[in-house]
PDB file of N, CA and C in Angstrom:
ATOM      1  N   MET A   1      89.292  81.951  81.040  1.00  0.00           N
ATOM      2  CA  MET A   1      89.358  82.605  81.918  1.00  0.00           C
ATOM      3  C   MET A   1      90.968  83.206  81.977  1.00  0.00           C
ATOM      4  N   PRO A   2      90.772  84.758  82.641  1.00  0.00           N
ATOM      5  CA  PRO A   2      91.895  85.568  82.410  1.00  0.00           C
ATOM      6  C   PRO A   2      93.101  84.964  83.309  1.00  0.00           C
ATOM      7  N   ASP A   3      93.944  85.410  82.691  1.00  0.00           N
ATOM      8  CA  ASP A   3      95.446  84.664  83.336  1.00  0.00           C
ATOM      9  C   ASP A   3      95.572  85.731  84.530  1.00  0.00           C
ATOM     10  N   ASN A   4      96.184  85.588  85.673  1.00  0.00           N
ATOM     11  CA  ASN A   4      96.133  86.260  87.024  1.00  0.00           C
ATOM     12  C   ASN A   4      97.515  86.036  87.099  1.00  0.00           C
ATOM     13  N   SER A   5      98.490  85.259  86.381  1.00  0.00           N
ATOM     14  CA  SER A   5      99.676  85.259  87.059  1.00  0.00           C
ATOM     15  C   SER A   5     100.883  86.520  87.237  1.00  0.00           C
ATOM     16  N   GLY A   6     100.271  87.462  86.760  1.00  0.00           N
ATOM     17  CA  GLY A   6     100.937  88.485  86.993  1.00  0.00           C
ATOM     18  C   GLY A   6     100.588  89.186  88.494  1.00  0.00           C
ATOM     19  N   CYS A   7      99.387  89.397  88.803  1.00  0.00           N
ATOM     20  CA  CYS A   7      98.921  89.296  90.097  1.00  0.00           C
ATOM     21  C   CYS A   7      99.446  88.432  91.069  1.00  0.00           C
ATOM     22  N   LYS A   8      99.453  87.212  90.490  1.00  0.00           N
ATOM     23  CA  LYS A   8     100.306  86.230  91.823  1.00  0.00           C
ATOM     24  C   LYS A   8     101.452  86.520  92.033  1.00  0.00           C
ATOM     25  N   ILE A   9     102.621  86.958  90.963  1.00  0.00           N
ATOM     26  CA  ILE A   9     103.939  87.493  91.335  1.00  0.00           C
ATOM     27  C   ILE A   9     103.778  88.220  92.105  1.00  0.00           C
ATOM     28  N   ALA A  10     103.297  89.657  91.813  1.00  0.00           N
ATOM     29  CA  ALA A  10     103.069  90.944  92.606  1.00  0.00           C
ATOM     30  C   ALA A  10     102.568  90.684  94.023  1.00  0.00           C
ATOM     31  N   THR A  11     101.901  89.834  94.022  1.00  0.00           N
ATOM     32  CA  THR A  11     101.507  89.795  95.431  1.00  0.00           C
ATOM     33  C   THR A  11     102.317  88.459  96.290  1.00  0.00           C
ATOM     34  N   ALA A  12     103.386  87.689  95.553  1.00  0.00           N
ATOM     35  CA  ALA A  12     104.234  87.232  96.389  1.00  0.00           C
ATOM     36  C   ALA A  12     105.468  87.997  96.497  1.00  0.00           C
ATOM     37  N   ASP A  13     105.781  88.699  95.691  1.00  0.00           N
ATOM     38  CA  ASP A  13     106.918  89.593  95.681  1.00  0.00           C
ATOM     39  C   ASP A  13     106.590  90.484  96.953  1.00  0.00           C
ATOM     40  N   ALA A  14     105.476  91.060  97.182  1.00  0.00           N
ATOM     41  CA  ALA A  14     105.297  91.965  98.202  1.00  0.00           C
ATOM     42  C   ALA A  14     104.972  91.065  99.206  1.00  0.00           C
ATOM     43  N   LEU A  15     104.824  89.894  99.621  1.00  0.00           N
ATOM     44  CA  LEU A  15     104.595  89.390 100.693  1.00  0.00           C
ATOM     45  C   LEU A  15     106.543  88.936 101.099  1.00  0.00           C
ATOM     46  N   THR A  16     107.117  88.625 100.051  1.00  0.00           N
ATOM     47  CA  THR A  16     108.522  88.250 100.400  1.00  0.00           C
ATOM     48  C   THR A  16     109.027  89.518 101.307  1.00  0.00           C
ATOM     49  N   LEU A  17     108.809  90.871 100.465  1.00  0.00           N
ATOM     50  CA  LEU A  17     109.202  91.954 101.029  1.00  0.00           C
ATOM     51  C   LEU A  17     108.857  92.338 102.531  1.00  0.00           C
ATOM     52  N   LEU A  18     107.459  92.281 102.727  1.00  0.00           N
ATOM     53  CA  LEU A  18     107.353  92.179 104.099  1.00  0.00           C
ATOM     54  C   LEU A  18     107.879  91.134 104.876  1.00  0.00           C
ATOM     55  N   LEU A  19     108.097  89.669 104.216  1.00  0.00           N
ATOM     56  CA  LEU A  19     108.855  89.124 105.117  1.00  0.00           C
ATOM     57  C   LEU A  19     110.419  89.229 105.681  1.00  0.00           C
ATOM     58  N   HIS A  20     110.908  89.979 104.610  1.00  0.00           N
ATOM     59  CA  HIS A  20     112.378  90.715 104.875  1.00  0.00           C
ATOM     60  C   HIS A  20     112.113  91.460 105.603  1.00  0.00           C
ATOM     61  N   ASN A  21     110.954  92.359 105.896  1.00  0.00           N
ATOM     62  CA  ASN A  21     111.059  93.674 107.262  1.00  0.00           C
ATOM     63  C   ASN A  21     110.825  92.713 108.200  1.00  0.00           C
ATOM     64  N   GLN A  22     109.944  91.586 108.281  1.00  0.00           N
ATOM     65  CA  GLN A  22     109.967  91.126 109.670  1.00  0.00           C
ATOM     66  C   GLN A  22     111.188  90.115 109.937  1.00  0.00           C
ATOM     67  N   HIS A  23     111.957  89.598 109.187  1.00  0.00           N
ATOM     68  CA  HIS A  23     113.136  88.876 109.805  1.00  0.00           C
ATOM     69  C   HIS A  23     114.269  90.606 110.561  1.00  0.00           C
ATOM     70  N   ALA A  24     114.226  91.602 109.458  1.00  0.00           N
ATOM     71  CA  ALA A  24     114.750  92.669 109.974  1.00  0.00           C
ATOM     72  C   ALA A  24     114.331  93.198 111.403  1.00  0.00           C
ATOM     73  N   LEU A  25     113.017  93.347 111.619  1.00  0.00           N
ATOM     74  CA  LEU A  25     112.442  93.868 112.848  1.00  0.00           C
ATOM     75  C   LEU A  25     112.904  93.005 113.956  1.00  0.00           C
ATOM     76  N   SER A  26     112.981  91.188 113.670  1.00  0.00           N
ATOM     77  CA  SER A  26     113.161  90.626 114.604  1.00  0.00           C
ATOM     78  C   SER A  26     114.554  90.604 114.912  1.00  0.00           C
ATOM     79  N   ALA A  27     115.369  90.640 113.933  1.00  0.00           N
ATOM     80  CA  ALA A  27     116.944  90.963 114.234  1.00  0.00           C
ATOM     81  C   ALA A  27     117.403  91.955 115.575  1.00  0.00           C
ATOM     82  N   ALA A  28     116.581  93.431 115.039  1.00  0.00           N
ATOM     83  CA  ALA A  28     116.665  94.496 115.926  1.00  0.00           C
ATOM     84  C   ALA A  28     116.124  94.127 117.397  1.00  0.00           C
ATOM     85  N   ILE A  29     114.806  93.546 117.050  1.00  0.00           N
ATOM     86  CA  ILE A  29     114.265  93.441 118.742  1.00  0.00           C
ATOM     87  C   ILE A  29     115.303  92.196 119.577  1.00  0.00           C
ATOM     88  N   GLU A  30     116.072  91.073 118.753  1.00  0.00           N
ATOM     89  CA  GLU A  30     116.963  90.586 119.609  1.00  0.00           C
ATOM     90  C   GLU A  30     118.097  91.165 120.055  1.00  0.00           C
ATOM     91  N   GLU A  31     118.828  92.111 119.243  1.00  0.00           N
ATOM     92  CA  GLU A  31     119.673  93.077 119.818  1.00  0.00           C
ATOM     93  C   GLU A  31     119.183  93.645 121.282  1.00  0.00           C
ATOM     94  N   ILE A  32     118.137  94.452 120.983  1.00  0.00           N
ATOM     95  CA  ILE A  32     117.768  95.093 121.943  1.00  0.00           C
ATOM     96  C   ILE A  32     117.645  94.260 123.083  1.00  0.00           C
ATOM     97  N   SER A  33     116.768  93.020 122.891  1.00  0.00           N
ATOM     98  CA  SER A  33     116.562  91.788 123.669  1.00  0.00           C
ATOM     99  C   SER A  33     118.082  92.020 124.503  1.00  0.00           C
ATOM    100  N   LYS A  34     118.989  91.379 123.848  1.00  0.00           N
ATOM    101  CA  LYS A  34     120.216  91.169 124.378  1.00  0.00           C
ATOM    102  C   LYS A  34     120.753  92.308 125.360  1.00  0.00           C
ATOM    103  N   TRP A  35     120.983  93.666 124.821  1.00  0.00           N
ATOM    104  CA  TRP A  35     121.390  94.796 125.481  1.00  0.00           C
ATOM    105  C   TRP A  35     120.636  94.754 126.942  1.00  0.00           C
ATOM    106  N   LEU A  36     119.120  94.344 126.790  1.00  0.00           N
ATOM    107  CA  LEU A  36     118.512  94.896 128.173  1.00  0.00           C
ATOM    108  C   LEU A  36     118.651  94.062 129.170  1.00  0.00           C
ATOM    109  N   SER A  37     118.753  92.430 128.483  1.00  0.00           N
ATOM    110  CA  SER A  37     119.408  91.320 129.810  1.00  0.00           C
ATOM    111  C   SER A  37     120.557  91.966 129.816  1.00  0.00           C
ATOM    112  N   GLU A  38     121.465  92.214 129.328  1.00  0.00           N
ATOM    113  CA  GLU A  38     122.963  92.747 129.858  1.00  0.00           C
ATOM    114  C   GLU A  38     122.720  93.690 130.807  1.00  0.00           C
ATOM    115  N   ASN A  39     121.854  94.239 130.755  1.00  0.00           N
ATOM    116  CA  ASN A  39     122.033  95.685 131.603  1.00  0.00           C
ATOM    117  C   ASN A  39     121.069  95.410 132.673  1.00  0.00           C
ATOM    118  N   GLY A  40     120.468  94.458 133.167  1.00  0.00           N
ATOM    119  CA  GLY A  40     119.726  94.011 134.107  1.00  0.00           C
ATOM    120  C   GLY A  40     118.162  94.683 134.054  1.00  0.00           C
ATOM    121  N   VAL A  41     117.756  94.438 132.879  1.00  0.00           N
ATOM    122  CA  VAL A  41     116.008  94.941 132.742  1.00  0.00           C
ATOM    123  C   VAL A  41     115.582  93.329 132.109  1.00  0.00           C
ATOM    124  N   GLU A  42     115.701  92.270 132.845  1.00  0.00           N
ATOM    125  CA  GLU A  42     115.485  90.805 132.369  1.00  0.00           C
ATOM    126  C   GLU A  42     114.044  90.804 131.984  1.00  0.00           C
ATOM    127  N   SER A  43     113.269  91.393 132.835  1.00  0.00           N
ATOM    128  CA  SER A  43     111.891  91.156 132.354  1.00  0.00           C
ATOM    129  C   SER A  43     111.024  91.820 131.234  1.00  0.00           C
ATOM    130  N   VAL A  44     111.593  92.969 130.680  1.00  0.00           N
ATOM    131  CA  VAL A  44     111.770  93.524 129.530  1.00  0.00           C
ATOM    132  C   VAL A  44     112.159  92.635 128.315  1.00  0.00           C
ATOM    133  N   ALA A  45     113.409  92.085 128.688  1.00  0.00           N
ATOM    134  CA  ALA A  45     114.059  90.985 127.632  1.00  0.00           C
ATOM    135  C   ALA A  45     113.184  89.860 127.580  1.00  0.00           C
ATOM    136  N   VAL A  46     112.237  89.726 128.326  1.00  0.00           N
ATOM    137  CA  VAL A  46     111.796  88.074 128.074  1.00  0.00           C
ATOM    138  C   VAL A  46     110.734  88.817 127.348  1.00  0.00           C
ATOM    139  N   ASN A  47     109.685  90.077 127.657  1.00  0.00           N
ATOM    140  CA  ASN A  47     108.807  90.102 126.658  1.00  0.00           C
ATOM    141  C   ASN A  47     109.244  90.323 125.235  1.00  0.00           C
ATOM    142  N   ALA A  48     110.295  90.840 125.082  1.00  0.00           N
ATOM    143  CA  ALA A  48     111.145  91.014 123.657  1.00  0.00           C
ATOM    144  C   ALA A  48     111.059  89.546 123.041  1.00  0.00           C
ATOM    145  N   ALA A  49     111.536  88.817 123.916  1.00  0.00           N
ATOM    146  CA  ALA A  49     111.723  87.252 123.333  1.00  0.00           C
ATOM    147  C   ALA A  49     110.729  86.762 122.999  1.00  0.00           C
ATOM    148  N   VAL A  50     109.721  87.244 123.768  1.00  0.00           N
ATOM    149  CA  VAL A  50     107.899  86.405 123.133  1.00  0.00           C
ATOM    150  C   VAL A  50     107.546  87.117 122.095  1.00  0.00           C
ATOM    151  N   ALA A  51     107.880  88.608 121.802  1.00  0.00           N
ATOM    152  CA  ALA A  51     107.609  89.395 120.456  1.00  0.00           C
ATOM    153  C   ALA A  51     108.501  88.473 119.241  1.00  0.00           C
ATOM    154  N   MET A  52     109.471  88.145 119.796  1.00  0.00           N
ATOM    155  CA  MET A  52     110.368  87.414 118.716  1.00  0.00           C
ATOM    156  C   MET A  52     109.898  86.058 118.365  1.00  0.00           C
ATOM    157  N   GLU A  53     109.286  85.571 119.328  1.00  0.00           N
ATOM    158  CA  GLU A  53     108.570  84.378 119.029  1.00  0.00           C
ATOM    159  C   GLU A  53     107.548  84.045 118.036  1.00  0.00           C
ATOM    160  N   THR A  54     106.580  85.402 118.193  1.00  0.00           N
ATOM    161  CA  THR A  54     105.547  85.572 117.432  1.00  0.00           C
ATOM    162  C   THR A  54     105.888  85.737 116.053  1.00  0.00           C
ATOM    163  N   LEU A  55     107.175  87.039 115.723  1.00  0.00           N
ATOM    164  CA  LEU A  55     107.443  86.781 114.607  1.00  0.00           C
ATOM    165  C   LEU A  55     107.898  85.787 113.902  1.00  0.00           C
ATOM    166  N   ASP A  56     108.733  84.988 114.457  1.00  0.00           N
ATOM    167  CA  ASP A  56     109.117  83.821 113.906  1.00  0.00           C
ATOM    168  C   ASP A  56     107.912  82.856 113.379  1.00  0.00           C
ATOM    169  N   THR A  57     106.964  82.728 114.419  1.00  0.00           N
ATOM    170  CA  THR A  57     105.509  81.939 113.812  1.00  0.00           C
ATOM    171  C   THR A  57     104.819  82.468 112.499  1.00  0.00           C
ATOM    172  N   ASN A  58     105.121  83.815 112.367  1.00  0.00           N
ATOM    173  CA  ASN A  58     103.944  84.505 111.640  1.00  0.00           C
ATOM    174  C   ASN A  58     105.031  84.131 110.690  1.00  0.00           C
ATOM    175  N   ALA A  59     106.187  84.454 110.578  1.00  0.00           N
ATOM    176  CA  ALA A  59     107.223  84.237 109.374  1.00  0.00           C
ATOM    177  C   ALA A  59     107.174  82.965 108.637  1.00  0.00           C
ATOM    178  N   LYS A  60     106.888  81.904 109.494  1.00  0.00           N
ATOM    179  CA  LYS A  60     107.071  80.479 108.835  1.00  0.00           C
ATOM    180  C   LYS A  60     105.669  80.581 108.153  1.00  0.00           C
ATOM    181  N   ALA A  61     104.247  81.293 108.603  1.00  0.00           N
ATOM    182  CA  ALA A  61     103.265  81.315 107.806  1.00  0.00           C
ATOM    183  C   ALA A  61     102.963  82.026 106.581  1.00  0.00           C
ATOM    184  N   ILE A  62     103.935  83.279 106.604  1.00  0.00           N
ATOM    185  CA  ILE A  62     104.178  84.310 105.531  1.00  0.00           C
ATOM    186  C   ILE A  62     105.168  83.267 104.768  1.00  0.00           C
ATOM    187  N   THR A  63     105.954  82.467 104.852  1.00  0.00           N
ATOM    188  CA  THR A  63     106.791  81.834 104.039  1.00  0.00           C
ATOM    189  C   THR A  63     105.633  80.843 103.496  1.00  0.00           C
ATOM    190  N   ASP A  64     104.866  79.885 103.673  1.00  0.00           N
ATOM    191  CA  ASP A  64     104.128  78.962 103.375  1.00  0.00           C
ATOM    192  C   ASP A  64     103.165  79.499 102.354  1.00  0.00           C
ATOM    193  N   ALA A  65     102.789  80.856 102.583  1.00  0.00           N
ATOM    194  CA  ALA A  65     101.716  81.426 101.856  1.00  0.00           C
ATOM    195  C   ALA A  65     102.438  81.977 100.538  1.00  0.00           C
ATOM    196  N   ILE A  66     103.933  82.125 100.641  1.00  0.00           N
ATOM    197  CA  ILE A  66     104.442  82.843  99.852  1.00  0.00           C
ATOM    198  C   ILE A  66     104.684  81.539  98.603  1.00  0.00           C
ATOM    199  N   MET A  67     105.118  80.391  99.458  1.00  0.00           N
ATOM    200  CA  MET A  67     105.486  79.164  98.039  1.00  0.00           C
ATOM    201  C   MET A  67     103.977  78.790  97.588  1.00  0.00           C
ATOM    202  N   ARG A  68     102.978  78.861  98.348  1.00  0.00           N
ATOM    203  CA  ARG A  68     101.484  78.707  97.613  1.00  0.00           C
ATOM    204  C   ARG A  68     101.296  79.300  97.036  1.00  0.00           C
ATOM    205  N   ILE A  69     101.253  80.338  96.839  1.00  0.00           N
ATOM    206  CA  ILE A  69     101.118  81.671  95.482  1.00  0.00           C
ATOM    207  C   ILE A  69     101.885  81.343  94.269  1.00  0.00           C
ATOM    208  N   ARG A  70     103.577  81.258  94.842  1.00  0.00           N
ATOM    209  CA  ARG A  70     104.310  81.079  93.669  1.00  0.00           C
ATOM    210  C   ARG A  70     104.060  79.559  92.769  1.00  0.00           C
ATOM    211  N   GLN A  71     103.559  78.603  93.711  1.00  0.00           N
ATOM    212  CA  GLN A  71     103.395  77.432  92.915  1.00  0.00           C
ATOM    213  C   GLN A  71     102.159  77.221  92.403  1.00  0.00           C
ATOM    214  N   SER A  72     100.959  78.053  92.625  1.00  0.00           N
ATOM    215  CA  SER A  72     100.026  77.980  91.995  1.00  0.00           C
ATOM    216  C   SER A  72      99.797  78.856  90.421  1.00  0.00           C
TER     217      SER A  72
END
């Protein structure tokens, strides 16, 4: 059976970069949400907070997948 460890490493590395992007997007949304809230646009800030929750949930799943790939 061929060794596919290089493919697993590349996949895990790519997912890790996507995870870093996801964290950066979450931080940006958090900053925008804070500004919206401070400037009287609370309903939009709430929607942004919901989007951040989705990013956080998905980040956990991506992290788990990365760990499974790296351990296999």
